């Protein structure tokens, strides 16, 4: 998350909105966001509904995955593993236009 925070200007240049989603409680998300001084919202998916819908729900946690969704709501890129936490890969994906 700190990598995404540190690249905020590049996301802004790509007209992208960054959101974090986790199975953690709202209180845990709030503390985490404050500790890292995140300039974007973190959403609590404590029941796992969003994680299930996006196919990333594991037994106890959601798999770390970055989805790039265009203005129409279409997923145009899915980044997993190391790419999911690589801000450069995410910025690049945000610059790709949906076809």
N, C-alpha and C. Protein backbone atom coordinates (compact mmCIF):
# COMPACT_ATOMS: atom_id res chain seq x y z
N UNK A 1 0.81 -1.19 0.00
CA UNK A 1 0.00 0.00 0.00
C UNK A 1 0.86 1.26 0.00
N UNK A 2 2.00 1.19 0.67
CA UNK A 2 2.86 2.37 0.68
C UNK A 2 3.40 2.67 -0.71
N UNK A 3 3.63 1.63 -1.52
CA UNK A 3 4.07 1.85 -2.89
C UNK A 3 3.02 2.57 -3.71
N UNK A 4 1.77 2.17 -3.52
CA UNK A 4 0.68 2.86 -4.22
C UNK A 4 0.58 4.30 -3.74
N UNK A 5 0.74 4.50 -2.44
CA UNK A 5 0.72 5.84 -1.87
C UNK A 5 1.82 6.70 -2.50
N UNK A 6 3.02 6.13 -2.60
CA UNK A 6 4.16 6.88 -3.10
C UNK A 6 4.06 7.22 -4.60
N UNK A 7 3.17 6.53 -5.31
CA UNK A 7 2.99 6.78 -6.74
C UNK A 7 1.67 7.49 -7.04
N UNK A 8 1.09 8.14 -6.02
CA UNK A 8 -0.21 8.78 -6.18
C UNK A 8 -0.26 9.73 -7.36
N UNK A 9 0.77 10.52 -7.57
CA UNK A 9 0.78 11.48 -8.67
C UNK A 9 0.64 10.78 -10.03
N UNK A 10 1.26 9.63 -10.17
CA UNK A 10 1.16 8.89 -11.43
C UNK A 10 -0.25 8.34 -11.64
N UNK A 11 -0.90 7.93 -10.56
CA UNK A 11 -2.28 7.48 -10.68
C UNK A 11 -3.18 8.66 -11.04
N UNK A 12 -2.92 9.79 -10.42
CA UNK A 12 -3.69 10.99 -10.74
C UNK A 12 -3.52 11.37 -12.21
N UNK A 13 -2.28 11.28 -12.71
CA UNK A 13 -2.00 11.58 -14.12
C UNK A 13 -2.73 10.63 -15.06
N UNK A 14 -2.98 9.40 -14.60
CA UNK A 14 -3.69 8.40 -15.40
C UNK A 14 -5.19 8.47 -15.20
N UNK A 15 -5.64 9.48 -14.43
CA UNK A 15 -7.06 9.64 -14.11
C UNK A 15 -7.60 8.37 -13.45
N UNK A 16 -6.82 7.79 -12.55
CA UNK A 16 -7.19 6.55 -11.87
C UNK A 16 -7.53 6.81 -10.41
N UNK A 17 -8.47 6.06 -9.89
CA UNK A 17 -8.84 6.11 -8.47
C UNK A 17 -8.35 4.83 -7.82
N UNK A 18 -7.55 4.94 -6.78
CA UNK A 18 -7.06 3.78 -6.05
C UNK A 18 -7.98 3.53 -4.86
N UNK A 19 -8.37 2.27 -4.70
CA UNK A 19 -9.14 1.82 -3.54
C UNK A 19 -8.51 0.54 -3.04
N UNK A 20 -8.43 0.39 -1.73
CA UNK A 20 -7.96 -0.87 -1.15
C UNK A 20 -9.15 -1.59 -0.54
N UNK A 21 -9.17 -2.89 -0.67
CA UNK A 21 -10.24 -3.69 -0.09
C UNK A 21 -9.60 -4.84 0.67
N UNK A 22 -10.09 -5.10 1.88
CA UNK A 22 -9.54 -6.15 2.71
C UNK A 22 -10.65 -6.80 3.52
N UNK A 23 -10.40 -8.02 3.97
CA UNK A 23 -11.34 -8.71 4.84
C UNK A 23 -11.27 -8.20 6.27
N UNK A 24 -10.34 -7.30 6.54
CA UNK A 24 -10.20 -6.75 7.88
C UNK A 24 -11.40 -5.87 8.25
N UNK A 25 -11.58 -5.67 9.55
CA UNK A 25 -12.67 -4.83 10.04
C UNK A 25 -12.43 -3.38 9.65
N UNK A 26 -13.49 -2.59 9.70
CA UNK A 26 -13.38 -1.16 9.41
C UNK A 26 -12.39 -0.49 10.35
N UNK A 27 -12.41 -0.86 11.63
CA UNK A 27 -11.49 -0.29 12.60
C UNK A 27 -10.04 -0.62 12.23
N UNK A 28 -9.78 -1.87 11.87
CA UNK A 28 -8.43 -2.28 11.48
C UNK A 28 -7.99 -1.54 10.21
N UNK A 29 -8.91 -1.39 9.25
CA UNK A 29 -8.59 -0.67 8.02
C UNK A 29 -8.26 0.80 8.31
N UNK A 30 -9.04 1.40 9.18
CA UNK A 30 -8.82 2.81 9.54
C UNK A 30 -7.44 2.99 10.18
N UNK A 31 -7.09 2.13 11.12
CA UNK A 31 -5.79 2.22 11.78
C UNK A 31 -4.64 2.00 10.79
N UNK A 32 -4.82 1.02 9.91
CA UNK A 32 -3.79 0.73 8.91
C UNK A 32 -3.61 1.92 7.98
N UNK A 33 -4.70 2.49 7.49
CA UNK A 33 -4.63 3.64 6.59
C UNK A 33 -3.96 4.83 7.27
N UNK A 34 -4.31 5.06 8.52
CA UNK A 34 -3.70 6.17 9.26
C UNK A 34 -2.22 5.94 9.49
N UNK A 35 -1.84 4.70 9.78
CA UNK A 35 -0.42 4.41 10.06
C UNK A 35 0.45 4.64 8.83
N UNK A 36 -0.10 4.41 7.65
CA UNK A 36 0.65 4.60 6.40
C UNK A 36 0.36 5.95 5.73
N UNK A 37 -0.54 6.72 6.35
CA UNK A 37 -0.94 8.01 5.77
C UNK A 37 -1.38 7.84 4.31
N UNK A 38 -2.29 6.90 4.10
CA UNK A 38 -2.75 6.61 2.74
C UNK A 38 -3.69 7.71 2.24
N UNK A 39 -3.48 8.15 1.00
CA UNK A 39 -4.31 9.22 0.43
C UNK A 39 -5.51 8.68 -0.34
N UNK A 40 -5.83 7.41 -0.15
CA UNK A 40 -6.96 6.80 -0.82
C UNK A 40 -7.72 5.93 0.18
N UNK A 41 -8.99 5.66 -0.09
CA UNK A 41 -9.80 4.91 0.86
C UNK A 41 -9.48 3.42 0.89
N UNK A 42 -9.63 2.84 2.07
CA UNK A 42 -9.59 1.40 2.25
C UNK A 42 -11.00 0.96 2.64
N UNK A 43 -11.47 -0.07 2.00
CA UNK A 43 -12.82 -0.57 2.23
C UNK A 43 -12.77 -1.89 2.98
N UNK A 44 -13.69 -2.06 3.90
CA UNK A 44 -13.76 -3.30 4.67
C UNK A 44 -14.75 -4.26 4.01
N UNK A 45 -14.27 -5.44 3.69
CA UNK A 45 -15.10 -6.51 3.13
C UNK A 45 -15.12 -7.66 4.14
N UNK A 46 -15.46 -7.32 5.37
CA UNK A 46 -15.34 -8.26 6.48
C UNK A 46 -16.11 -9.56 6.24
N UNK A 47 -17.23 -9.49 5.55
CA UNK A 47 -18.00 -10.70 5.25
C UNK A 47 -17.47 -11.46 4.05
N UNK A 48 -16.57 -10.85 3.29
CA UNK A 48 -15.95 -11.51 2.15
C UNK A 48 -16.79 -11.53 0.87
N UNK A 49 -17.86 -10.76 0.84
CA UNK A 49 -18.74 -10.76 -0.33
C UNK A 49 -18.01 -10.30 -1.60
N UNK A 50 -17.27 -9.20 -1.51
CA UNK A 50 -16.54 -8.71 -2.68
C UNK A 50 -15.42 -9.68 -3.08
N UNK A 51 -14.71 -10.21 -2.09
CA UNK A 51 -13.62 -11.16 -2.38
C UNK A 51 -14.16 -12.39 -3.10
N UNK A 52 -15.30 -12.87 -2.68
CA UNK A 52 -15.92 -14.03 -3.35
C UNK A 52 -16.33 -13.65 -4.77
N UNK A 53 -16.95 -12.48 -4.92
CA UNK A 53 -17.42 -12.04 -6.24
C UNK A 53 -16.27 -11.90 -7.24
N UNK A 54 -15.11 -11.48 -6.77
CA UNK A 54 -13.95 -11.30 -7.64
C UNK A 54 -13.06 -12.54 -7.70
N UNK A 55 -13.45 -13.60 -7.01
CA UNK A 55 -12.72 -14.86 -7.09
C UNK A 55 -11.39 -14.88 -6.39
N UNK A 56 -11.22 -14.07 -5.33
CA UNK A 56 -9.94 -14.01 -4.65
C UNK A 56 -10.03 -14.47 -3.19
N UNK A 57 -11.17 -14.98 -2.78
CA UNK A 57 -11.38 -15.39 -1.38
C UNK A 57 -10.71 -16.72 -1.13
N UNK A 58 -9.76 -16.73 -0.18
CA UNK A 58 -9.13 -17.96 0.28
C UNK A 58 -9.88 -18.47 1.50
N UNK A 59 -9.31 -19.42 2.20
CA UNK A 59 -9.96 -19.95 3.39
C UNK A 59 -10.03 -18.94 4.52
N UNK A 60 -8.92 -18.25 4.79
CA UNK A 60 -8.88 -17.29 5.89
C UNK A 60 -8.65 -15.86 5.44
N UNK A 61 -8.19 -15.65 4.23
CA UNK A 61 -7.90 -14.31 3.75
C UNK A 61 -8.12 -14.27 2.24
N UNK A 62 -8.10 -13.09 1.72
CA UNK A 62 -8.21 -12.92 0.27
C UNK A 62 -6.80 -12.90 -0.32
N UNK A 63 -6.66 -13.48 -1.48
CA UNK A 63 -5.38 -13.45 -2.18
C UNK A 63 -5.10 -12.02 -2.63
N UNK A 64 -3.87 -11.59 -2.48
CA UNK A 64 -3.50 -10.22 -2.87
C UNK A 64 -3.58 -10.11 -4.39
N UNK A 65 -4.49 -9.30 -4.84
CA UNK A 65 -4.75 -9.14 -6.27
C UNK A 65 -5.10 -7.68 -6.54
N UNK A 66 -4.61 -7.17 -7.66
CA UNK A 66 -4.96 -5.81 -8.08
C UNK A 66 -5.79 -5.91 -9.35
N UNK A 67 -6.96 -5.28 -9.31
CA UNK A 67 -7.83 -5.21 -10.48
C UNK A 67 -7.81 -3.78 -11.00
N UNK A 68 -7.62 -3.63 -12.29
CA UNK A 68 -7.74 -2.32 -12.92
C UNK A 68 -9.06 -2.35 -13.68
N UNK A 69 -9.95 -1.45 -13.31
CA UNK A 69 -11.31 -1.43 -13.85
C UNK A 69 -11.49 -0.10 -14.58
N UNK A 70 -11.98 -0.17 -15.82
CA UNK A 70 -12.13 1.07 -16.58
C UNK A 70 -13.40 1.83 -16.20
N UNK A 71 -13.62 2.94 -16.86
CA UNK A 71 -14.74 3.82 -16.54
C UNK A 71 -16.10 3.15 -16.70
N UNK A 72 -16.17 2.11 -17.53
CA UNK A 72 -17.44 1.43 -17.77
C UNK A 72 -17.68 0.28 -16.79
N UNK A 73 -16.69 0.01 -15.94
CA UNK A 73 -16.81 -1.09 -14.98
C UNK A 73 -16.20 -2.40 -15.47
N UNK A 74 -15.56 -2.37 -16.64
CA UNK A 74 -14.94 -3.57 -17.21
C UNK A 74 -13.53 -3.76 -16.63
N UNK A 75 -13.24 -4.98 -16.18
CA UNK A 75 -11.89 -5.30 -15.70
C UNK A 75 -10.97 -5.37 -16.92
N UNK A 76 -9.94 -4.51 -16.94
CA UNK A 76 -9.03 -4.50 -18.08
C UNK A 76 -7.67 -5.10 -17.74
N UNK A 77 -7.40 -5.33 -16.45
CA UNK A 77 -6.14 -5.95 -16.06
C UNK A 77 -6.29 -6.55 -14.67
N UNK A 78 -5.67 -7.72 -14.51
CA UNK A 78 -5.62 -8.38 -13.20
C UNK A 78 -4.15 -8.66 -12.91
N UNK A 79 -3.68 -8.13 -11.81
CA UNK A 79 -2.29 -8.33 -11.41
C UNK A 79 -2.26 -9.18 -10.15
N UNK A 80 -1.47 -10.25 -10.17
CA UNK A 80 -1.39 -11.16 -9.03
C UNK A 80 0.05 -11.36 -8.61
N UNK A 81 0.24 -11.92 -7.44
CA UNK A 81 1.58 -12.18 -6.94
C UNK A 81 2.36 -10.90 -6.76
N UNK A 82 3.63 -10.92 -7.17
CA UNK A 82 4.49 -9.74 -7.02
C UNK A 82 3.95 -8.54 -7.78
N UNK A 83 3.33 -8.78 -8.93
CA UNK A 83 2.77 -7.68 -9.72
C UNK A 83 1.67 -6.95 -8.96
N UNK A 84 0.95 -7.66 -8.11
CA UNK A 84 -0.17 -7.04 -7.37
C UNK A 84 0.30 -5.96 -6.41
N UNK A 85 1.54 -6.05 -5.98
CA UNK A 85 2.05 -5.04 -5.04
C UNK A 85 3.09 -4.12 -5.68
N UNK A 86 3.29 -4.27 -7.00
CA UNK A 86 4.24 -3.46 -7.73
C UNK A 86 3.52 -2.22 -8.27
N UNK A 87 3.77 -1.05 -7.70
CA UNK A 87 3.07 0.14 -8.17
C UNK A 87 3.35 0.46 -9.63
N UNK A 88 4.54 0.15 -10.12
CA UNK A 88 4.87 0.44 -11.52
C UNK A 88 3.98 -0.36 -12.46
N UNK A 89 3.76 -1.64 -12.15
CA UNK A 89 2.89 -2.48 -12.98
C UNK A 89 1.46 -1.97 -12.93
N UNK A 90 1.03 -1.51 -11.78
CA UNK A 90 -0.33 -0.99 -11.64
C UNK A 90 -0.50 0.31 -12.40
N UNK A 91 0.47 1.21 -12.30
CA UNK A 91 0.41 2.48 -13.04
C UNK A 91 0.34 2.19 -14.54
N UNK A 92 1.18 1.29 -15.02
CA UNK A 92 1.18 0.94 -16.43
C UNK A 92 -0.18 0.39 -16.85
N UNK A 93 -0.75 -0.47 -16.04
CA UNK A 93 -2.06 -1.05 -16.36
C UNK A 93 -3.14 0.03 -16.39
N UNK A 94 -3.02 1.03 -15.55
CA UNK A 94 -4.00 2.12 -15.53
C UNK A 94 -3.94 2.97 -16.79
N UNK A 95 -2.82 2.97 -17.45
CA UNK A 95 -2.67 3.78 -18.66
C UNK A 95 -3.20 3.07 -19.90
N UNK A 96 -3.47 1.78 -19.79
CA UNK A 96 -4.01 1.01 -20.91
C UNK A 96 -5.48 1.35 -21.05
N UNK A 97 -5.90 1.60 -22.25
CA UNK A 97 -7.32 1.93 -22.49
C UNK A 97 -8.08 0.66 -22.83
N UNK A 98 -9.30 0.59 -22.33
CA UNK A 98 -10.19 -0.52 -22.64
C UNK A 98 -10.50 -0.50 -24.14
N UNK A 99 -10.57 -1.68 -24.71
CA UNK A 99 -10.88 -1.78 -26.15
C UNK A 99 -12.34 -2.00 -26.38
